[in-house]
ModelCIF file with pLDDT and N, C-alpha, C, O atoms, coordinates in Angstrom:
data_MODEL
#
_entry.id   MODEL 
#
_entity.id                         1 
_entity.type                       polymer 
_entity.pdbx_number_of_molecules   1 
#
_entity_poly.entity_id                      1 
_entity_poly.type                           'polypeptide(L)' 
_entity_poly.nstd_linkage                   no 
_entity_poly.nstd_monomer                   no 
_entity_poly.pdbx_seq_one_letter_code       YRTWHDDSGYHARLHRELPDDALAYGCMQHLHADTAP 
_entity_poly.pdbx_seq_one_letter_code_can   YRTWHDDSGYHARLHRELPDDALAYGCMQHLHADTAP 
_entity_poly.pdbx_strand_id                 A 
#
loop_
_entity_poly_seq.entity_id 
_entity_poly_seq.num 
_entity_poly_seq.mon_id 
_entity_poly_seq.hetero 
1 1  TYR n 
1 2  ARG n 
1 3  THR n 
1 4  TRP n 
1 5  HIS n 
1 6  ASP n 
1 7  ASP n 
1 8  SER n 
1 9  GLY n 
1 10 TYR n 
1 11 HIS n 
1 12 ALA n 
1 13 ARG n 
1 14 LEU n 
1 15 HIS n 
1 16 ARG n 
1 17 GLU n 
1 18 LEU n 
1 19 PRO n 
1 20 ASP n 
1 21 ASP n 
1 22 ALA n 
1 23 LEU n 
1 24 ALA n 
1 25 TYR n 
1 26 GLY n 
1 27 CYS n 
1 28 MET n 
1 29 GLN n 
1 30 HIS n 
1 31 LEU n 
1 32 HIS n 
1 33 ALA n 
1 34 ASP n 
1 35 THR n 
1 36 ALA n 
1 37 PRO n 
#
_struct_asym.id          A 
_struct_asym.entity_id   1 
#
loop_
_ma_qa_metric.id 
_ma_qa_metric.mode 
_ma_qa_metric.name 
_ma_qa_metric.software_group_id 
_ma_qa_metric.type 
1 global pLDDT . pLDDT 
2 local  pLDDT . pLDDT 
#
_ma_qa_metric_global.metric_id      1 
_ma_qa_metric_global.metric_value   94.86 
_ma_qa_metric_global.model_id       1 
_ma_qa_metric_global.ordinal_id     1 
#
loop_
_ma_qa_metric_local.label_asym_id 
_ma_qa_metric_local.label_comp_id 
_ma_qa_metric_local.label_seq_id 
_ma_qa_metric_local.metric_id 
_ma_qa_metric_local.metric_value 
_ma_qa_metric_local.model_id 
_ma_qa_metric_local.ordinal_id 
A TYR 1  2 92.00 1 1  
A ARG 2  2 93.00 1 2  
A THR 3  2 92.00 1 3  
A TRP 4  2 92.00 1 4  
A HIS 5  2 92.00 1 5  
A ASP 6  2 92.00 1 6  
A ASP 7  2 92.00 1 7  
A SER 8  2 93.00 1 8  
A GLY 9  2 94.00 1 9  
A TYR 10 2 94.00 1 10 
A HIS 11 2 95.00 1 11 
A ALA 12 2 95.00 1 12 
A ARG 13 2 96.00 1 13 
A LEU 14 2 95.00 1 14 
A HIS 15 2 93.00 1 15 
A ARG 16 2 93.00 1 16 
A GLU 17 2 96.00 1 17 
A LEU 18 2 97.00 1 18 
A PRO 19 2 97.00 1 19 
A ASP 20 2 97.00 1 20 
A ASP 21 2 95.00 1 21 
A ALA 22 2 96.00 1 22 
A LEU 23 2 97.00 1 23 
A ALA 24 2 96.00 1 24 
A TYR 25 2 96.00 1 25 
A GLY 26 2 96.00 1 26 
A CYS 27 2 97.00 1 27 
A MET 28 2 98.00 1 28 
A GLN 29 2 97.00 1 29 
A HIS 30 2 97.00 1 30 
A LEU 31 2 97.00 1 31 
A HIS 32 2 97.00 1 32 
A ALA 33 2 96.00 1 33 
A ASP 34 2 95.00 1 34 
A THR 35 2 94.00 1 35 
A ALA 36 2 93.00 1 36 
A PRO 37 2 93.00 1 37 
#
loop_
_atom_site.group_PDB 
_atom_site.id 
_atom_site.type_symbol 
_atom_site.label_atom_id 
_atom_site.label_alt_id 
_atom_site.label_comp_id 
_atom_site.label_asym_id 
_atom_site.label_entity_id 
_atom_site.label_seq_id 
_atom_site.pdbx_PDB_ins_code 
_atom_site.Cartn_x 
_atom_site.Cartn_y 
_atom_site.Cartn_z 
_atom_site.occupancy 
_atom_site.B_iso_or_equiv 
_atom_site.pdbx_formal_charge 
_atom_site.auth_seq_id 
_atom_site.auth_comp_id 
_atom_site.auth_asym_id 
_atom_site.auth_atom_id 
_atom_site.pdbx_PDB_model_num 
ATOM 1   N N  . TYR A 1 1  ? 0.707   -1.469 0.090   1.00 92.00 ? 1  TYR A N  1 
ATOM 2   C CA . TYR A 1 1  ? 0.162   0.007  0.104   1.00 92.00 ? 1  TYR A CA 1 
ATOM 3   C C  . TYR A 1 1  ? 0.976   1.364  -0.380  1.00 92.00 ? 1  TYR A C  1 
ATOM 4   O O  . TYR A 1 1  ? 2.194   1.429  -0.545  1.00 92.00 ? 1  TYR A O  1 
ATOM 5   N N  . ARG A 1 2  ? 0.398   2.010  -0.494  1.00 93.00 ? 2  ARG A N  1 
ATOM 6   C CA . ARG A 1 2  ? 0.843   3.493  -0.581  1.00 93.00 ? 2  ARG A CA 1 
ATOM 7   C C  . ARG A 1 2  ? 0.072   4.089  0.602   1.00 93.00 ? 2  ARG A C  1 
ATOM 8   O O  . ARG A 1 2  ? -1.116  3.777  0.675   1.00 93.00 ? 2  ARG A O  1 
ATOM 9   N N  . THR A 1 3  ? 0.656   5.030  1.688   1.00 92.00 ? 3  THR A N  1 
ATOM 10  C CA . THR A 1 3  ? -0.274  5.571  2.712   1.00 92.00 ? 3  THR A CA 1 
ATOM 11  C C  . THR A 1 3  ? 0.328   6.747  2.645   1.00 92.00 ? 3  THR A C  1 
ATOM 12  O O  . THR A 1 3  ? 1.371   7.198  2.171   1.00 92.00 ? 3  THR A O  1 
ATOM 13  N N  . TRP A 1 4  ? -0.857  7.242  3.411   1.00 92.00 ? 4  TRP A N  1 
ATOM 14  C CA . TRP A 1 4  ? -0.944  8.906  3.724   1.00 92.00 ? 4  TRP A CA 1 
ATOM 15  C C  . TRP A 1 4  ? -1.844  9.231  4.723   1.00 92.00 ? 4  TRP A C  1 
ATOM 16  O O  . TRP A 1 4  ? -2.597  8.345  5.127   1.00 92.00 ? 4  TRP A O  1 
ATOM 17  N N  . HIS A 1 5  ? -1.906  10.485 5.253   1.00 92.00 ? 5  HIS A N  1 
ATOM 18  C CA . HIS A 1 5  ? -2.423  11.173 5.847   1.00 92.00 ? 5  HIS A CA 1 
ATOM 19  C C  . HIS A 1 5  ? -2.858  12.822 5.641   1.00 92.00 ? 5  HIS A C  1 
ATOM 20  O O  . HIS A 1 5  ? -2.155  13.740 5.218   1.00 92.00 ? 5  HIS A O  1 
ATOM 21  N N  . ASP A 1 6  ? -4.150  12.844 6.059   1.00 92.00 ? 6  ASP A N  1 
ATOM 22  C CA . ASP A 1 6  ? -4.672  14.066 5.792   1.00 92.00 ? 6  ASP A CA 1 
ATOM 23  C C  . ASP A 1 6  ? -5.603  14.613 6.719   1.00 92.00 ? 6  ASP A C  1 
ATOM 24  O O  . ASP A 1 6  ? -5.860  13.909 7.695   1.00 92.00 ? 6  ASP A O  1 
ATOM 25  N N  . ASP A 1 7  ? -6.493  16.371 6.565   1.00 92.00 ? 7  ASP A N  1 
ATOM 26  C CA . ASP A 1 7  ? -7.069  16.288 7.383   1.00 92.00 ? 7  ASP A CA 1 
ATOM 27  C C  . ASP A 1 7  ? -8.605  15.303 7.576   1.00 92.00 ? 7  ASP A C  1 
ATOM 28  O O  . ASP A 1 7  ? -9.402  15.467 8.500   1.00 92.00 ? 7  ASP A O  1 
ATOM 29  N N  . SER A 1 8  ? -8.703  14.604 6.811   1.00 93.00 ? 8  SER A N  1 
ATOM 30  C CA . SER A 1 8  ? -9.924  13.485 6.960   1.00 93.00 ? 8  SER A CA 1 
ATOM 31  C C  . SER A 1 8  ? -9.494  12.191 7.280   1.00 93.00 ? 8  SER A C  1 
ATOM 32  O O  . SER A 1 8  ? -10.166 11.179 7.079   1.00 93.00 ? 8  SER A O  1 
ATOM 33  N N  . GLY A 1 9  ? -8.089  12.229 7.905   1.00 94.00 ? 9  GLY A N  1 
ATOM 34  C CA . GLY A 1 9  ? -7.960  10.958 8.274   1.00 94.00 ? 9  GLY A CA 1 
ATOM 35  C C  . GLY A 1 9  ? -6.666  10.075 7.754   1.00 94.00 ? 9  GLY A C  1 
ATOM 36  O O  . GLY A 1 9  ? -5.732  10.676 7.222   1.00 94.00 ? 9  GLY A O  1 
ATOM 37  N N  . TYR A 1 10 ? -6.628  8.876  7.887   1.00 94.00 ? 10 TYR A N  1 
ATOM 38  C CA . TYR A 1 10 ? -5.222  8.051  7.254   1.00 94.00 ? 10 TYR A CA 1 
ATOM 39  C C  . TYR A 1 10 ? -6.215  7.165  6.376   1.00 94.00 ? 10 TYR A C  1 
ATOM 40  O O  . TYR A 1 10 ? -7.248  6.556  6.654   1.00 94.00 ? 10 TYR A O  1 
ATOM 41  N N  . HIS A 1 11 ? -5.340  7.375  4.970   1.00 95.00 ? 11 HIS A N  1 
ATOM 42  C CA . HIS A 1 11 ? -5.585  6.565  3.788   1.00 95.00 ? 11 HIS A CA 1 
ATOM 43  C C  . HIS A 1 11 ? -4.655  5.293  3.335   1.00 95.00 ? 11 HIS A C  1 
ATOM 44  O O  . HIS A 1 11 ? -3.478  5.437  3.665   1.00 95.00 ? 11 HIS A O  1 
ATOM 45  N N  . ALA A 1 12 ? -4.925  4.208  2.717   1.00 95.00 ? 12 ALA A N  1 
ATOM 46  C CA . ALA A 1 12 ? -4.107  3.682  2.021   1.00 95.00 ? 12 ALA A CA 1 
ATOM 47  C C  . ALA A 1 12 ? -4.644  2.972  0.665   1.00 95.00 ? 12 ALA A C  1 
ATOM 48  O O  . ALA A 1 12 ? -5.800  2.550  0.681   1.00 95.00 ? 12 ALA A O  1 
ATOM 49  N N  . ARG A 1 13 ? -3.928  2.832  -0.412  1.00 96.00 ? 13 ARG A N  1 
ATOM 50  C CA . ARG A 1 13 ? -4.225  2.311  -1.576  1.00 96.00 ? 13 ARG A CA 1 
ATOM 51  C C  . ARG A 1 13 ? -3.280  1.256  -2.299  1.00 96.00 ? 13 ARG A C  1 
ATOM 52  O O  . ARG A 1 13 ? -2.081  1.252  -2.579  1.00 96.00 ? 13 ARG A O  1 
ATOM 53  N N  . LEU A 1 14 ? -4.117  0.544  -2.445  1.00 95.00 ? 14 LEU A N  1 
ATOM 54  C CA . LEU A 1 14 ? -3.327  -0.543 -3.278  1.00 95.00 ? 14 LEU A CA 1 
ATOM 55  C C  . LEU A 1 14 ? -2.274  -0.457 -4.231  1.00 95.00 ? 14 LEU A C  1 
ATOM 56  O O  . LEU A 1 14 ? -2.625  0.189  -5.219  1.00 95.00 ? 14 LEU A O  1 
ATOM 57  N N  . HIS A 1 15 ? -1.066  -0.897 -4.284  1.00 93.00 ? 15 HIS A N  1 
ATOM 58  C CA . HIS A 1 15 ? -0.176  -0.286 -5.498  1.00 93.00 ? 15 HIS A CA 1 
ATOM 59  C C  . HIS A 1 15 ? -0.766  -0.785 -6.749  1.00 93.00 ? 15 HIS A C  1 
ATOM 60  O O  . HIS A 1 15 ? -0.797  -0.256 -7.860  1.00 93.00 ? 15 HIS A O  1 
ATOM 61  N N  . ARG A 1 16 ? -1.176  -1.787 -6.384  1.00 93.00 ? 16 ARG A N  1 
ATOM 62  C CA . ARG A 1 16 ? -1.722  -2.499 -7.965  1.00 93.00 ? 16 ARG A CA 1 
ATOM 63  C C  . ARG A 1 16 ? -3.177  -2.261 -8.327  1.00 93.00 ? 16 ARG A C  1 
ATOM 64  O O  . ARG A 1 16 ? -3.880  -2.225 -7.318  1.00 93.00 ? 16 ARG A O  1 
ATOM 65  N N  . GLU A 1 17 ? -3.802  -2.099 -9.398  1.00 96.00 ? 17 GLU A N  1 
ATOM 66  C CA . GLU A 1 17 ? -4.969  -1.925 -9.537  1.00 96.00 ? 17 GLU A CA 1 
ATOM 67  C C  . GLU A 1 17 ? -5.638  -3.370 -9.486  1.00 96.00 ? 17 GLU A C  1 
ATOM 68  O O  . GLU A 1 17 ? -5.342  -4.361 -10.153 1.00 96.00 ? 17 GLU A O  1 
ATOM 69  N N  . LEU A 1 18 ? -6.642  -3.214 -8.494  1.00 97.00 ? 18 LEU A N  1 
ATOM 70  C CA . LEU A 1 18 ? -7.623  -4.372 -8.954  1.00 97.00 ? 18 LEU A CA 1 
ATOM 71  C C  . LEU A 1 18 ? -8.835  -4.565 -9.746  1.00 97.00 ? 18 LEU A C  1 
ATOM 72  O O  . LEU A 1 18 ? -9.821  -3.835 -9.654  1.00 97.00 ? 18 LEU A O  1 
ATOM 73  N N  . PRO A 1 19 ? -8.738  -5.514 -10.485 1.00 97.00 ? 19 PRO A N  1 
ATOM 74  C CA . PRO A 1 19 ? -9.893  -5.653 -11.304 1.00 97.00 ? 19 PRO A CA 1 
ATOM 75  C C  . PRO A 1 19 ? -11.364 -5.369 -10.864 1.00 97.00 ? 19 PRO A C  1 
ATOM 76  O O  . PRO A 1 19 ? -11.656 -5.583 -9.687  1.00 97.00 ? 19 PRO A O  1 
ATOM 77  N N  . ASP A 1 20 ? -12.126 -4.993 -11.561 1.00 97.00 ? 20 ASP A N  1 
ATOM 78  C CA . ASP A 1 20 ? -13.757 -5.205 -11.353 1.00 97.00 ? 20 ASP A CA 1 
ATOM 79  C C  . ASP A 1 20 ? -14.448 -6.174 -10.395 1.00 97.00 ? 20 ASP A C  1 
ATOM 80  O O  . ASP A 1 20 ? -15.305 -5.948 -9.541  1.00 97.00 ? 20 ASP A O  1 
ATOM 81  N N  . ASP A 1 21 ? -13.569 -7.851 -10.933 1.00 95.00 ? 21 ASP A N  1 
ATOM 82  C CA . ASP A 1 21 ? -14.835 -9.146 -10.043 1.00 95.00 ? 21 ASP A CA 1 
ATOM 83  C C  . ASP A 1 21 ? -13.718 -8.661 -9.021  1.00 95.00 ? 21 ASP A C  1 
ATOM 84  O O  . ASP A 1 21 ? -14.349 -8.377 -8.003  1.00 95.00 ? 21 ASP A O  1 
ATOM 85  N N  . ALA A 1 22 ? -12.515 -8.453 -8.819  1.00 96.00 ? 22 ALA A N  1 
ATOM 86  C CA . ALA A 1 22 ? -12.410 -8.461 -7.297  1.00 96.00 ? 22 ALA A CA 1 
ATOM 87  C C  . ALA A 1 22 ? -12.796 -7.219 -6.599  1.00 96.00 ? 22 ALA A C  1 
ATOM 88  O O  . ALA A 1 22 ? -12.573 -7.298 -5.391  1.00 96.00 ? 22 ALA A O  1 
ATOM 89  N N  . LEU A 1 23 ? -13.280 -6.155 -6.960  1.00 97.00 ? 23 LEU A N  1 
ATOM 90  C CA . LEU A 1 23 ? -13.939 -5.291 -6.181  1.00 97.00 ? 23 LEU A CA 1 
ATOM 91  C C  . LEU A 1 23 ? -15.546 -5.668 -5.910  1.00 97.00 ? 23 LEU A C  1 
ATOM 92  O O  . LEU A 1 23 ? -16.183 -5.542 -4.864  1.00 97.00 ? 23 LEU A O  1 
ATOM 93  N N  . ALA A 1 24 ? -15.931 -6.112 -7.057  1.00 96.00 ? 24 ALA A N  1 
ATOM 94  C CA . ALA A 1 24 ? -17.497 -7.038 -6.624  1.00 96.00 ? 24 ALA A CA 1 
ATOM 95  C C  . ALA A 1 24 ? -17.246 -7.938 -5.784  1.00 96.00 ? 24 ALA A C  1 
ATOM 96  O O  . ALA A 1 24 ? -18.254 -8.112 -5.099  1.00 96.00 ? 24 ALA A O  1 
ATOM 97  N N  . TYR A 1 25 ? -16.064 -8.890 -5.348  1.00 96.00 ? 25 TYR A N  1 
ATOM 98  C CA . TYR A 1 25 ? -15.462 -9.778 -4.552  1.00 96.00 ? 25 TYR A CA 1 
ATOM 99  C C  . TYR A 1 25 ? -15.317 -9.326 -2.862  1.00 96.00 ? 25 TYR A C  1 
ATOM 100 O O  . TYR A 1 25 ? -15.154 -9.986 -1.836  1.00 96.00 ? 25 TYR A O  1 
ATOM 101 N N  . GLY A 1 26 ? -15.443 -8.097 -3.100  1.00 96.00 ? 26 GLY A N  1 
ATOM 102 C CA . GLY A 1 26 ? -15.084 -6.938 -1.381  1.00 96.00 ? 26 GLY A CA 1 
ATOM 103 C C  . GLY A 1 26 ? -14.173 -6.798 -1.360  1.00 96.00 ? 26 GLY A C  1 
ATOM 104 O O  . GLY A 1 26 ? -13.803 -6.729 -0.188  1.00 96.00 ? 26 GLY A O  1 
ATOM 105 N N  . CYS A 1 27 ? -12.968 -6.626 -2.405  1.00 97.00 ? 27 CYS A N  1 
ATOM 106 C CA . CYS A 1 27 ? -11.645 -6.128 -2.286  1.00 97.00 ? 27 CYS A CA 1 
ATOM 107 C C  . CYS A 1 27 ? -12.152 -4.748 -2.133  1.00 97.00 ? 27 CYS A C  1 
ATOM 108 O O  . CYS A 1 27 ? -13.303 -4.327 -2.245  1.00 97.00 ? 27 CYS A O  1 
ATOM 109 N N  . MET A 1 28 ? -10.885 -4.041 -1.811  1.00 98.00 ? 28 MET A N  1 
ATOM 110 C CA . MET A 1 28 ? -10.965 -2.720 -1.925  1.00 98.00 ? 28 MET A CA 1 
ATOM 111 C C  . MET A 1 28 ? -9.615  -1.911 -2.468  1.00 98.00 ? 28 MET A C  1 
ATOM 112 O O  . MET A 1 28 ? -8.525  -2.332 -2.079  1.00 98.00 ? 28 MET A O  1 
ATOM 113 N N  . GLN A 1 29 ? -9.652  -0.905 -3.243  1.00 97.00 ? 29 GLN A N  1 
ATOM 114 C CA . GLN A 1 29 ? -8.668  -0.564 -3.986  1.00 97.00 ? 29 GLN A CA 1 
ATOM 115 C C  . GLN A 1 29 ? -7.900  0.689  -2.847  1.00 97.00 ? 29 GLN A C  1 
ATOM 116 O O  . GLN A 1 29 ? -6.682  0.777  -2.686  1.00 97.00 ? 29 GLN A O  1 
ATOM 117 N N  . HIS A 1 30 ? -8.900  1.547  -2.175  1.00 97.00 ? 30 HIS A N  1 
ATOM 118 C CA . HIS A 1 30 ? -8.741  2.434  -1.202  1.00 97.00 ? 30 HIS A CA 1 
ATOM 119 C C  . HIS A 1 30 ? -9.241  2.228  0.151   1.00 97.00 ? 30 HIS A C  1 
ATOM 120 O O  . HIS A 1 30 ? -10.395 1.843  0.338   1.00 97.00 ? 30 HIS A O  1 
ATOM 121 N N  . LEU A 1 31 ? -8.130  2.552  1.455   1.00 97.00 ? 31 LEU A N  1 
ATOM 122 C CA . LEU A 1 31 ? -8.760  2.346  2.686   1.00 97.00 ? 31 LEU A CA 1 
ATOM 123 C C  . LEU A 1 31 ? -8.686  4.306  3.178   1.00 97.00 ? 31 LEU A C  1 
ATOM 124 O O  . LEU A 1 31 ? -8.003  5.283  2.871   1.00 97.00 ? 31 LEU A O  1 
ATOM 125 N N  . HIS A 1 32 ? -9.725  4.024  3.983   1.00 97.00 ? 32 HIS A N  1 
ATOM 126 C CA . HIS A 1 32 ? -9.608  4.988  4.896   1.00 97.00 ? 32 HIS A CA 1 
ATOM 127 C C  . HIS A 1 32 ? -9.745  4.799  6.419   1.00 97.00 ? 32 HIS A C  1 
ATOM 128 O O  . HIS A 1 32 ? -10.507 3.876  6.705   1.00 97.00 ? 32 HIS A O  1 
ATOM 129 N N  . ALA A 1 33 ? -9.266  5.362  7.335   1.00 96.00 ? 33 ALA A N  1 
ATOM 130 C CA . ALA A 1 33 ? -9.780  4.953  8.665   1.00 96.00 ? 33 ALA A CA 1 
ATOM 131 C C  . ALA A 1 33 ? -9.167  6.588  9.542   1.00 96.00 ? 33 ALA A C  1 
ATOM 132 O O  . ALA A 1 33 ? -8.401  7.408  9.036   1.00 96.00 ? 33 ALA A O  1 
ATOM 133 N N  . ASP A 1 34 ? -9.705  6.653  10.741  1.00 95.00 ? 34 ASP A N  1 
ATOM 134 C CA . ASP A 1 34 ? -9.923  7.524  11.704  1.00 95.00 ? 34 ASP A CA 1 
ATOM 135 C C  . ASP A 1 34 ? -8.431  7.583  12.193  1.00 95.00 ? 34 ASP A C  1 
ATOM 136 O O  . ASP A 1 34 ? -7.895  8.684  12.319  1.00 95.00 ? 34 ASP A O  1 
ATOM 137 N N  . THR A 1 35 ? -7.775  6.474  12.459  1.00 94.00 ? 35 THR A N  1 
ATOM 138 C CA . THR A 1 35 ? -6.732  6.270  12.981  1.00 94.00 ? 35 THR A CA 1 
ATOM 139 C C  . THR A 1 35 ? -5.430  5.405  12.688  1.00 94.00 ? 35 THR A C  1 
ATOM 140 O O  . THR A 1 35 ? -5.740  4.303  12.235  1.00 94.00 ? 35 THR A O  1 
ATOM 141 N N  . ALA A 1 36 ? -4.421  5.546  12.785  1.00 93.00 ? 36 ALA A N  1 
ATOM 142 C CA . ALA A 1 36 ? -3.277  4.449  12.243  1.00 93.00 ? 36 ALA A CA 1 
ATOM 143 C C  . ALA A 1 36 ? -3.611  3.170  12.202  1.00 93.00 ? 36 ALA A C  1 
ATOM 144 O O  . ALA A 1 36 ? -3.787  2.519  11.173  1.00 93.00 ? 36 ALA A O  1 
ATOM 145 N N  . PRO A 1 37 ? -3.744  2.617  13.791  1.00 93.00 ? 37 PRO A N  1 
ATOM 146 C CA . PRO A 1 37 ? -4.365  1.369  14.044  1.00 93.00 ? 37 PRO A CA 1 
ATOM 147 C C  . PRO A 1 37 ? -5.521  0.541  13.338  1.00 93.00 ? 37 PRO A C  1 
ATOM 148 O O  . PRO A 1 37 ? -5.865  -0.550 13.792  1.00 93.00 ? 37 PRO A O  1 
#
């Protein structure tokens, strides 16, 4: 993941692009959270 923090919280984005069927399976390309843990 590539990670960063901004005013809206913590973010992580997978380095590789997931295909549509992976996203339909429930995998996420981008994650967001309020805390690092």
